Amino acid sequence: MLLARGGLDAAFDTLVRRHQERVIRVASRLAGRSSLAPDLAQNTFLAVYRALPKYQARGKFSAYLYRVLLTQCRLSYRSAHVENHALDKLSRVPAEASEAVEDIILARERQREVELALDCLSPKLRQAVVLRYSGELSYDEIAEVLLVPVGTVKRRLFDAMEKLRQNLESA
């Protein structure tokens, strides 16, 4: 990021290529629709690019990037009311020829139940879960992204898992 700020365009391209896949994956979970994810990722990288002159290296770049992504997701939510839509599929069911059709149907139904349970979580809990399991961030990284203590991240994840368990058991 510092090289990009210094005028080296290839450095910013490298940053985009390095983080694009994870940013899109996290954006699709946070936004609730995978069709919005590329736009949110593009807006995120555009906002980061526009902030180049003001960027100061405090902490990890990835934490800064995910904070910008969360802001873009909030803006998208406000303008499009994406909160009413179910989250996009958390995991893909591979369509291998060896699997029985019934197994695929049951796995997809279970996936829908998980999506509905995630949709019932508060935004704070959902953000922690998505960053942990879709973004594959550590507790420390999540704390840095959300600007909260690590203990708060652990508590949010614990509460989220408990609520997910309750919602899935009742379903």
N, C-alpha and C. Protein backbone atom coordinates (compact mmCIF):
# COMPACT_ATOMS: atom_id res chain seq x y z
N MET A 1 0.83 -1.19 0.00
CA MET A 1 0.00 0.00 0.00
C MET A 1 0.88 1.25 0.00
N LEU A 2 1.96 1.19 0.74
CA LEU A 2 2.88 2.34 0.77
C LEU A 2 3.55 2.56 -0.58
N LEU A 3 3.86 1.45 -1.28
CA LEU A 3 4.43 1.57 -2.62
C LEU A 3 3.42 2.18 -3.59
N ALA A 4 2.17 1.77 -3.46
CA ALA A 4 1.11 2.32 -4.31
C ALA A 4 0.93 3.81 -4.03
N ARG A 5 0.98 4.16 -2.75
CA ARG A 5 0.87 5.57 -2.39
C ARG A 5 2.03 6.37 -2.97
N GLY A 6 3.18 5.73 -3.08
CA GLY A 6 4.36 6.39 -3.65
C GLY A 6 4.32 6.51 -5.16
N GLY A 7 3.27 5.96 -5.80
CA GLY A 7 3.11 6.12 -7.24
C GLY A 7 3.38 4.88 -8.06
N LEU A 8 3.65 3.76 -7.44
CA LEU A 8 3.91 2.52 -8.17
C LEU A 8 2.57 1.81 -8.42
N ASP A 9 2.04 1.98 -9.64
CA ASP A 9 0.72 1.43 -9.97
C ASP A 9 0.68 -0.10 -9.86
N ALA A 10 1.76 -0.75 -10.20
CA ALA A 10 1.80 -2.22 -10.14
C ALA A 10 1.60 -2.72 -8.70
N ALA A 11 1.97 -1.94 -7.73
CA ALA A 11 1.81 -2.34 -6.33
C ALA A 11 0.33 -2.44 -5.97
N PHE A 12 -0.46 -1.50 -6.45
CA PHE A 12 -1.90 -1.56 -6.15
C PHE A 12 -2.54 -2.73 -6.88
N ASP A 13 -2.12 -2.99 -8.10
CA ASP A 13 -2.63 -4.15 -8.83
C ASP A 13 -2.34 -5.44 -8.07
N THR A 14 -1.16 -5.53 -7.50
CA THR A 14 -0.79 -6.70 -6.71
C THR A 14 -1.69 -6.84 -5.49
N LEU A 15 -1.97 -5.73 -4.82
CA LEU A 15 -2.87 -5.76 -3.67
C LEU A 15 -4.26 -6.28 -4.06
N VAL A 16 -4.76 -5.79 -5.16
CA VAL A 16 -6.09 -6.22 -5.61
C VAL A 16 -6.09 -7.72 -5.90
N ARG A 17 -5.11 -8.18 -6.66
CA ARG A 17 -5.05 -9.61 -6.99
C ARG A 17 -4.89 -10.47 -5.75
N ARG A 18 -4.14 -10.00 -4.79
CA ARG A 18 -3.88 -10.77 -3.57
C ARG A 18 -5.13 -10.92 -2.70
N HIS A 19 -5.97 -9.89 -2.65
CA HIS A 19 -7.09 -9.87 -1.71
C HIS A 19 -8.47 -10.01 -2.36
N GLN A 20 -8.54 -9.96 -3.67
CA GLN A 20 -9.83 -9.89 -4.35
C GLN A 20 -10.73 -11.08 -4.06
N GLU A 21 -10.22 -12.26 -4.13
CA GLU A 21 -11.05 -13.46 -3.93
C GLU A 21 -11.68 -13.48 -2.54
N ARG A 22 -10.90 -13.22 -1.51
CA ARG A 22 -11.44 -13.24 -0.15
C ARG A 22 -12.40 -12.08 0.07
N VAL A 23 -12.11 -10.92 -0.50
CA VAL A 23 -13.00 -9.78 -0.35
C VAL A 23 -14.35 -10.09 -0.98
N ILE A 24 -14.34 -10.69 -2.15
CA ILE A 24 -15.60 -11.06 -2.82
C ILE A 24 -16.36 -12.09 -2.00
N ARG A 25 -15.66 -13.08 -1.47
CA ARG A 25 -16.30 -14.12 -0.67
C ARG A 25 -16.95 -13.53 0.58
N VAL A 26 -16.25 -12.67 1.28
CA VAL A 26 -16.79 -12.04 2.49
C VAL A 26 -17.94 -11.11 2.12
N ALA A 27 -17.79 -10.37 1.05
CA ALA A 27 -18.84 -9.44 0.62
C ALA A 27 -20.12 -10.18 0.28
N SER A 28 -20.01 -11.33 -0.36
CA SER A 28 -21.22 -12.07 -0.72
C SER A 28 -21.96 -12.57 0.51
N ARG A 29 -21.23 -12.92 1.55
CA ARG A 29 -21.88 -13.38 2.78
C ARG A 29 -22.50 -12.22 3.55
N LEU A 30 -21.80 -11.11 3.60
CA LEU A 30 -22.30 -9.96 4.34
C LEU A 30 -23.50 -9.31 3.64
N ALA A 31 -23.47 -9.26 2.32
CA ALA A 31 -24.52 -8.59 1.57
C ALA A 31 -25.77 -9.43 1.45
N GLY A 32 -25.61 -10.74 1.54
CA GLY A 32 -26.77 -11.61 1.42
C GLY A 32 -27.05 -12.07 0.00
N ARG A 33 -26.35 -11.52 -0.96
CA ARG A 33 -26.53 -11.93 -2.36
C ARG A 33 -25.17 -11.95 -3.02
N SER A 34 -24.84 -13.06 -3.64
CA SER A 34 -23.54 -13.15 -4.31
C SER A 34 -23.47 -12.24 -5.52
N SER A 35 -24.62 -11.86 -6.07
CA SER A 35 -24.60 -10.98 -7.24
C SER A 35 -24.09 -9.58 -6.89
N LEU A 36 -24.18 -9.18 -5.63
CA LEU A 36 -23.68 -7.87 -5.21
C LEU A 36 -22.19 -7.89 -4.89
N ALA A 37 -21.64 -9.05 -4.64
CA ALA A 37 -20.26 -9.17 -4.15
C ALA A 37 -19.22 -8.52 -5.07
N PRO A 38 -19.25 -8.75 -6.38
CA PRO A 38 -18.24 -8.09 -7.23
C PRO A 38 -18.32 -6.56 -7.18
N ASP A 39 -19.54 -6.03 -7.13
CA ASP A 39 -19.70 -4.58 -7.04
C ASP A 39 -19.17 -4.05 -5.72
N LEU A 40 -19.48 -4.76 -4.63
CA LEU A 40 -18.98 -4.34 -3.32
C LEU A 40 -17.45 -4.41 -3.27
N ALA A 41 -16.89 -5.46 -3.86
CA ALA A 41 -15.43 -5.58 -3.90
C ALA A 41 -14.82 -4.44 -4.71
N GLN A 42 -15.43 -4.15 -5.85
CA GLN A 42 -14.92 -3.06 -6.68
C GLN A 42 -15.01 -1.72 -5.95
N ASN A 43 -16.14 -1.48 -5.30
CA ASN A 43 -16.30 -0.24 -4.53
C ASN A 43 -15.28 -0.16 -3.39
N THR A 44 -15.01 -1.31 -2.78
CA THR A 44 -14.03 -1.35 -1.70
C THR A 44 -12.65 -0.96 -2.20
N PHE A 45 -12.22 -1.60 -3.30
CA PHE A 45 -10.90 -1.30 -3.84
C PHE A 45 -10.83 0.13 -4.38
N LEU A 46 -11.93 0.63 -4.91
CA LEU A 46 -11.97 2.00 -5.38
C LEU A 46 -11.82 2.98 -4.20
N ALA A 47 -12.51 2.69 -3.10
CA ALA A 47 -12.39 3.53 -1.91
C ALA A 47 -10.97 3.49 -1.36
N VAL A 48 -10.36 2.31 -1.37
CA VAL A 48 -8.98 2.19 -0.90
C VAL A 48 -8.05 2.98 -1.82
N TYR A 49 -8.28 2.90 -3.12
CA TYR A 49 -7.44 3.63 -4.08
C TYR A 49 -7.58 5.14 -3.89
N ARG A 50 -8.81 5.58 -3.67
CA ARG A 50 -9.04 7.01 -3.45
C ARG A 50 -8.39 7.49 -2.16
N ALA A 51 -8.24 6.58 -1.20
CA ALA A 51 -7.66 6.95 0.09
C ALA A 51 -6.13 6.85 0.10
N LEU A 52 -5.55 6.48 -1.04
CA LEU A 52 -4.08 6.33 -1.10
C LEU A 52 -3.32 7.54 -0.55
N PRO A 53 -3.66 8.76 -0.94
CA PRO A 53 -2.88 9.90 -0.43
C PRO A 53 -2.96 10.07 1.08
N LYS A 54 -4.07 9.62 1.68
CA LYS A 54 -4.26 9.79 3.12
C LYS A 54 -3.85 8.56 3.92
N TYR A 55 -3.55 7.46 3.24
CA TYR A 55 -3.28 6.19 3.94
C TYR A 55 -2.06 6.29 4.82
N GLN A 56 -2.22 5.81 6.06
CA GLN A 56 -1.10 5.72 6.99
C GLN A 56 -1.04 4.28 7.48
N ALA A 57 0.12 3.70 7.45
CA ALA A 57 0.30 2.30 7.81
C ALA A 57 0.20 2.12 9.32
N ARG A 58 -1.02 1.91 9.79
CA ARG A 58 -1.26 1.62 11.21
C ARG A 58 -1.90 0.25 11.28
N GLY A 59 -1.20 -0.73 11.74
CA GLY A 59 -1.73 -2.08 11.79
C GLY A 59 -1.62 -2.76 10.44
N LYS A 60 -2.36 -3.86 10.31
CA LYS A 60 -2.30 -4.64 9.09
C LYS A 60 -3.18 -4.03 8.01
N PHE A 61 -2.71 -4.14 6.78
CA PHE A 61 -3.49 -3.64 5.65
C PHE A 61 -4.81 -4.39 5.53
N SER A 62 -4.78 -5.71 5.77
CA SER A 62 -6.00 -6.49 5.62
C SER A 62 -7.10 -6.01 6.56
N ALA A 63 -6.75 -5.59 7.76
CA ALA A 63 -7.75 -5.07 8.68
C ALA A 63 -8.36 -3.78 8.13
N TYR A 64 -7.52 -2.93 7.59
CA TYR A 64 -8.00 -1.69 6.96
C TYR A 64 -8.93 -2.03 5.80
N LEU A 65 -8.53 -2.98 4.97
CA LEU A 65 -9.31 -3.38 3.81
C LEU A 65 -10.68 -3.89 4.22
N TYR A 66 -10.74 -4.74 5.25
CA TYR A 66 -12.03 -5.29 5.68
C TYR A 66 -12.90 -4.23 6.36
N ARG A 67 -12.30 -3.25 6.99
CA ARG A 67 -13.10 -2.14 7.54
C ARG A 67 -13.76 -1.36 6.41
N VAL A 68 -13.01 -1.12 5.34
CA VAL A 68 -13.58 -0.44 4.18
C VAL A 68 -14.68 -1.30 3.57
N LEU A 69 -14.46 -2.60 3.49
CA LEU A 69 -15.48 -3.51 2.96
C LEU A 69 -16.74 -3.47 3.81
N LEU A 70 -16.60 -3.48 5.12
CA LEU A 70 -17.77 -3.42 6.00
C LEU A 70 -18.54 -2.12 5.78
N THR A 71 -17.83 -1.04 5.58
CA THR A 71 -18.49 0.24 5.30
C THR A 71 -19.25 0.16 3.98
N GLN A 72 -18.65 -0.42 2.97
CA GLN A 72 -19.33 -0.55 1.68
C GLN A 72 -20.57 -1.43 1.80
N CYS A 73 -20.49 -2.47 2.60
CA CYS A 73 -21.66 -3.34 2.82
C CYS A 73 -22.78 -2.60 3.54
N ARG A 74 -22.41 -1.80 4.53
CA ARG A 74 -23.42 -0.99 5.23
C ARG A 74 -24.09 0.00 4.29
N LEU A 75 -23.31 0.63 3.45
CA LEU A 75 -23.87 1.57 2.47
C LEU A 75 -24.80 0.86 1.51
N SER A 76 -24.42 -0.31 1.09
CA SER A 76 -25.26 -1.10 0.18
C SER A 76 -26.56 -1.50 0.86
N TYR A 77 -26.46 -1.88 2.12
CA TYR A 77 -27.65 -2.27 2.88
C TYR A 77 -28.62 -1.11 2.97
N ARG A 78 -28.12 0.05 3.29
CA ARG A 78 -28.99 1.22 3.44
C ARG A 78 -29.68 1.56 2.13
N SER A 79 -28.99 1.47 1.04
CA SER A 79 -29.57 1.90 -0.23
C SER A 79 -30.45 0.83 -0.87
N ALA A 80 -30.17 -0.44 -0.67
CA ALA A 80 -30.90 -1.50 -1.37
C ALA A 80 -31.73 -2.40 -0.47
N HIS A 81 -31.64 -2.23 0.83
CA HIS A 81 -32.38 -3.05 1.80
C HIS A 81 -32.11 -4.54 1.59
N VAL A 82 -30.84 -4.87 1.46
CA VAL A 82 -30.48 -6.26 1.22
C VAL A 82 -30.66 -7.14 2.46
N GLU A 83 -30.98 -6.53 3.58
CA GLU A 83 -31.15 -7.30 4.80
C GLU A 83 -32.30 -8.30 4.70
N ASN A 84 -33.26 -8.06 3.82
CA ASN A 84 -34.41 -8.94 3.70
C ASN A 84 -34.14 -10.19 2.86
N HIS A 85 -32.98 -10.26 2.27
CA HIS A 85 -32.66 -11.40 1.42
C HIS A 85 -31.83 -12.42 2.19
N ALA A 86 -31.99 -13.67 1.87
CA ALA A 86 -31.21 -14.73 2.51
C ALA A 86 -29.76 -14.63 2.08
N LEU A 87 -28.85 -15.05 2.96
CA LEU A 87 -27.44 -15.05 2.62
C LEU A 87 -27.19 -16.07 1.51
N ASP A 88 -26.22 -15.74 0.67
CA ASP A 88 -25.86 -16.66 -0.40
C ASP A 88 -25.28 -17.93 0.21
N LYS A 89 -25.24 -18.96 -0.54
CA LYS A 89 -24.81 -20.26 -0.03
C LYS A 89 -23.44 -20.18 0.62
N LEU A 90 -23.34 -20.70 1.85
CA LEU A 90 -22.06 -20.66 2.57
C LEU A 90 -21.06 -21.66 2.03
N SER A 91 -21.57 -22.74 1.59
CA SER A 91 -20.63 -23.71 1.03
C SER A 91 -21.28 -24.35 -0.19
N ARG A 92 -20.48 -24.67 -1.12
CA ARG A 92 -20.98 -25.28 -2.35
C ARG A 92 -21.01 -26.79 -2.19
N VAL A 93 -22.08 -27.37 -2.67
CA VAL A 93 -22.18 -28.82 -2.66
C VAL A 93 -21.63 -29.31 -3.99
N PRO A 94 -20.54 -30.05 -3.97
CA PRO A 94 -19.98 -30.52 -5.23
C PRO A 94 -20.93 -31.50 -5.90
N ALA A 95 -21.12 -31.31 -7.18
CA ALA A 95 -22.02 -32.18 -7.94
C ALA A 95 -21.21 -33.28 -8.60
N GLU A 96 -20.70 -34.16 -7.80
CA GLU A 96 -19.90 -35.27 -8.32
C GLU A 96 -20.82 -36.40 -8.74
N ALA A 97 -20.44 -37.08 -9.77
CA ALA A 97 -21.27 -38.14 -10.31
C ALA A 97 -21.47 -39.28 -9.31
N SER A 98 -20.50 -39.46 -8.41
CA SER A 98 -20.59 -40.57 -7.47
C SER A 98 -21.60 -40.33 -6.35
N GLU A 99 -21.98 -39.06 -6.13
CA GLU A 99 -22.93 -38.77 -5.05
C GLU A 99 -24.34 -39.04 -5.52
N ALA A 100 -25.14 -39.56 -4.62
CA ALA A 100 -26.54 -39.81 -4.93
C ALA A 100 -27.30 -38.50 -4.95
N VAL A 101 -28.32 -38.42 -5.76
CA VAL A 101 -29.14 -37.22 -5.88
C VAL A 101 -29.76 -36.86 -4.53
N GLU A 102 -30.17 -37.87 -3.77
CA GLU A 102 -30.79 -37.62 -2.47
C GLU A 102 -29.83 -36.93 -1.51
N ASP A 103 -28.57 -37.33 -1.55
CA ASP A 103 -27.57 -36.72 -0.68
C ASP A 103 -27.38 -35.24 -1.02
N ILE A 104 -27.39 -34.92 -2.29
CA ILE A 104 -27.23 -33.54 -2.72
C ILE A 104 -28.43 -32.71 -2.27
N ILE A 105 -29.62 -33.26 -2.42
CA ILE A 105 -30.83 -32.55 -2.01
C ILE A 105 -30.84 -32.30 -0.51
N LEU A 106 -30.48 -33.32 0.27
CA LEU A 106 -30.43 -33.17 1.72
C LEU A 106 -29.38 -32.15 2.15
N ALA A 107 -28.24 -32.16 1.50
CA ALA A 107 -27.18 -31.20 1.83
C ALA A 107 -27.61 -29.78 1.51
N ARG A 108 -28.29 -29.60 0.39
CA ARG A 108 -28.77 -28.26 0.04
C ARG A 108 -29.85 -27.79 0.99
N GLU A 109 -30.70 -28.69 1.43
CA GLU A 109 -31.74 -28.31 2.39
C GLU A 109 -31.11 -27.89 3.71
N ARG A 110 -30.10 -28.62 4.14
CA ARG A 110 -29.39 -28.26 5.38
C ARG A 110 -28.71 -26.90 5.22
N GLN A 111 -28.17 -26.66 4.04
CA GLN A 111 -27.52 -25.38 3.75
C GLN A 111 -28.53 -24.24 3.84
N ARG A 112 -29.73 -24.44 3.32
CA ARG A 112 -30.78 -23.42 3.41
C ARG A 112 -31.15 -23.15 4.87
N GLU A 113 -31.20 -24.20 5.68
CA GLU A 113 -31.50 -24.02 7.09
C GLU A 113 -30.43 -23.18 7.78
N VAL A 114 -29.17 -23.42 7.44
CA VAL A 114 -28.07 -22.64 8.01
C VAL A 114 -28.18 -21.19 7.57
N GLU A 115 -28.50 -20.97 6.29
CA GLU A 115 -28.65 -19.61 5.78
C GLU A 115 -29.76 -18.86 6.52
N LEU A 116 -30.88 -19.52 6.72
CA LEU A 116 -31.99 -18.89 7.43
C LEU A 116 -31.61 -18.59 8.88
N ALA A 117 -30.88 -19.51 9.50
CA ALA A 117 -30.44 -19.29 10.88
C ALA A 117 -29.47 -18.12 10.94
N LEU A 118 -28.56 -18.01 9.97
CA LEU A 118 -27.63 -16.88 9.92
C LEU A 118 -28.37 -15.57 9.71
N ASP A 119 -29.42 -15.62 8.93
CA ASP A 119 -30.20 -14.41 8.64
C ASP A 119 -30.88 -13.88 9.89
N CYS A 120 -31.11 -14.75 10.88
CA CYS A 120 -31.76 -14.34 12.12
C CYS A 120 -30.79 -13.68 13.11
N LEU A 121 -29.50 -13.78 12.84
CA LEU A 121 -28.51 -13.18 13.75
C LEU A 121 -28.49 -11.67 13.58
N SER A 122 -28.08 -10.98 14.63
CA SER A 122 -27.90 -9.53 14.55
C SER A 122 -26.72 -9.24 13.63
N PRO A 123 -26.65 -8.04 13.06
CA PRO A 123 -25.52 -7.72 12.18
C PRO A 123 -24.15 -7.90 12.85
N LYS A 124 -24.03 -7.55 14.11
CA LYS A 124 -22.74 -7.69 14.80
C LYS A 124 -22.32 -9.15 14.89
N LEU A 125 -23.26 -10.02 15.24
CA LEU A 125 -22.94 -11.44 15.35
C LEU A 125 -22.65 -12.03 13.97
N ARG A 126 -23.46 -11.66 12.99
CA ARG A 126 -23.28 -12.19 11.63
C ARG A 126 -21.93 -11.75 11.07
N GLN A 127 -21.53 -10.50 11.30
CA GLN A 127 -20.23 -10.02 10.80
C GLN A 127 -19.11 -10.86 11.39
N ALA A 128 -19.16 -11.13 12.67
CA ALA A 128 -18.11 -11.92 13.31
C ALA A 128 -18.05 -13.33 12.72
N VAL A 129 -19.21 -13.95 12.52
CA VAL A 129 -19.25 -15.31 11.97
C VAL A 129 -18.73 -15.33 10.54
N VAL A 130 -19.17 -14.39 9.73
CA VAL A 130 -18.76 -14.37 8.33
C VAL A 130 -17.26 -14.10 8.21
N LEU A 131 -16.75 -13.16 8.98
CA LEU A 131 -15.31 -12.87 8.92
C LEU A 131 -14.50 -14.07 9.39
N ARG A 132 -14.99 -14.79 10.37
CA ARG A 132 -14.26 -15.94 10.90
C ARG A 132 -14.29 -17.13 9.94
N TYR A 133 -15.47 -17.48 9.45
CA TYR A 133 -15.62 -18.73 8.70
C TYR A 133 -15.59 -18.55 7.19
N SER A 134 -16.01 -17.41 6.67
CA SER A 134 -15.91 -17.18 5.23
C SER A 134 -14.62 -16.44 4.89
N GLY A 135 -14.28 -15.46 5.72
CA GLY A 135 -13.06 -14.69 5.50
C GLY A 135 -11.82 -15.37 6.03
N GLU A 136 -12.01 -16.39 6.87
CA GLU A 136 -10.92 -17.15 7.46
C GLU A 136 -9.95 -16.26 8.24
N LEU A 137 -10.50 -15.27 8.94
CA LEU A 137 -9.68 -14.38 9.74
C LEU A 137 -9.53 -14.93 11.15
N SER A 138 -8.41 -14.63 11.77
CA SER A 138 -8.19 -15.03 13.16
C SER A 138 -8.96 -14.09 14.08
N TYR A 139 -9.03 -14.45 15.36
CA TYR A 139 -9.70 -13.58 16.33
C TYR A 139 -9.07 -12.19 16.36
N ASP A 140 -7.73 -12.16 16.34
CA ASP A 140 -7.02 -10.88 16.37
C ASP A 140 -7.35 -10.04 15.14
N GLU A 141 -7.39 -10.69 13.98
CA GLU A 141 -7.70 -9.96 12.75
C GLU A 141 -9.13 -9.43 12.76
N ILE A 142 -10.06 -10.23 13.25
CA ILE A 142 -11.46 -9.80 13.33
C ILE A 142 -11.57 -8.61 14.29
N ALA A 143 -10.88 -8.70 15.40
CA ALA A 143 -10.90 -7.60 16.37
C ALA A 143 -10.37 -6.31 15.73
N GLU A 144 -9.33 -6.44 14.94
CA GLU A 144 -8.76 -5.28 14.28
C GLU A 144 -9.73 -4.71 13.23
N VAL A 145 -10.41 -5.60 12.51
CA VAL A 145 -11.37 -5.15 11.48
C VAL A 145 -12.56 -4.45 12.13
N LEU A 146 -13.11 -5.05 13.18
CA LEU A 146 -14.31 -4.52 13.81
C LEU A 146 -14.02 -3.43 14.85
N LEU A 147 -12.74 -3.22 15.14
CA LEU A 147 -12.32 -2.22 16.13
C LEU A 147 -12.90 -2.51 17.51
N VAL A 148 -12.83 -3.77 17.90
CA VAL A 148 -13.29 -4.20 19.22
C VAL A 148 -12.19 -5.08 19.83
N PRO A 149 -12.23 -5.28 21.15
CA PRO A 149 -11.25 -6.17 21.78
C PRO A 149 -11.45 -7.63 21.35
N VAL A 150 -10.39 -8.41 21.45
CA VAL A 150 -10.45 -9.83 21.09
C VAL A 150 -11.50 -10.55 21.92
N GLY A 151 -11.61 -10.19 23.18
CA GLY A 151 -12.62 -10.81 24.04
C GLY A 151 -14.04 -10.59 23.52
N THR A 152 -14.29 -9.43 22.96
CA THR A 152 -15.60 -9.14 22.38
C THR A 152 -15.85 -10.02 21.16
N VAL A 153 -14.81 -10.22 20.36
CA VAL A 153 -14.94 -11.10 19.18
C VAL A 153 -15.29 -12.51 19.63
N LYS A 154 -14.56 -13.00 20.63
CA LYS A 154 -14.82 -14.35 21.13
C LYS A 154 -16.24 -14.46 21.68
N ARG A 155 -16.68 -13.45 22.39
CA ARG A 155 -18.03 -13.46 22.95
C ARG A 155 -19.09 -13.44 21.85
N ARG A 156 -18.87 -12.61 20.83
CA ARG A 156 -19.82 -12.55 19.71
C ARG A 156 -19.89 -13.88 18.98
N LEU A 157 -18.74 -14.51 18.78
CA LEU A 157 -18.74 -15.81 18.11
C LEU A 157 -19.43 -16.87 18.97
N PHE A 158 -19.17 -16.83 20.26
CA PHE A 158 -19.83 -17.78 21.17
C PHE A 158 -21.35 -17.58 21.14
N ASP A 159 -21.78 -16.31 21.26
CA ASP A 159 -23.22 -16.02 21.24
C ASP A 159 -23.84 -16.40 19.91
N ALA A 160 -23.13 -16.13 18.82
CA ALA A 160 -23.64 -16.46 17.49
C ALA A 160 -23.80 -17.97 17.33
N MET A 161 -22.82 -18.73 17.78
CA MET A 161 -22.90 -20.19 17.67
C MET A 161 -24.05 -20.74 18.51
N GLU A 162 -24.25 -20.17 19.68
CA GLU A 162 -25.35 -20.60 20.54
C GLU A 162 -26.70 -20.32 19.88
N LYS A 163 -26.85 -19.12 19.31
CA LYS A 163 -28.10 -18.78 18.64
C LYS A 163 -28.32 -19.62 17.39
N LEU A 164 -27.24 -19.88 16.66
CA LEU A 164 -27.36 -20.74 15.48
C LEU A 164 -27.80 -22.15 15.89
N ARG A 165 -27.20 -22.66 16.95
CA ARG A 165 -27.58 -23.99 17.46
C ARG A 165 -29.07 -24.02 17.82
N GLN A 166 -29.52 -23.01 18.53
CA GLN A 166 -30.93 -22.94 18.92
C GLN A 166 -31.84 -22.86 17.71
N ASN A 167 -31.50 -22.01 16.77
CA ASN A 167 -32.31 -21.85 15.57
C ASN A 167 -32.35 -23.13 14.73
N LEU A 168 -31.22 -23.81 14.64
CA LEU A 168 -31.17 -25.04 13.84
C LEU A 168 -31.89 -26.19 14.54
N GLU A 169 -31.83 -26.23 15.85
CA GLU A 169 -32.54 -27.28 16.58
C GLU A 169 -34.05 -27.10 16.48
N SER A 170 -34.50 -25.87 16.47
CA SER A 170 -35.93 -25.62 16.39
C SER A 170 -36.48 -25.79 14.97
N ALA A 171 -35.57 -25.77 13.99
CA ALA A 171 -36.02 -25.87 12.57
C ALA A 171 -36.33 -27.28 12.15
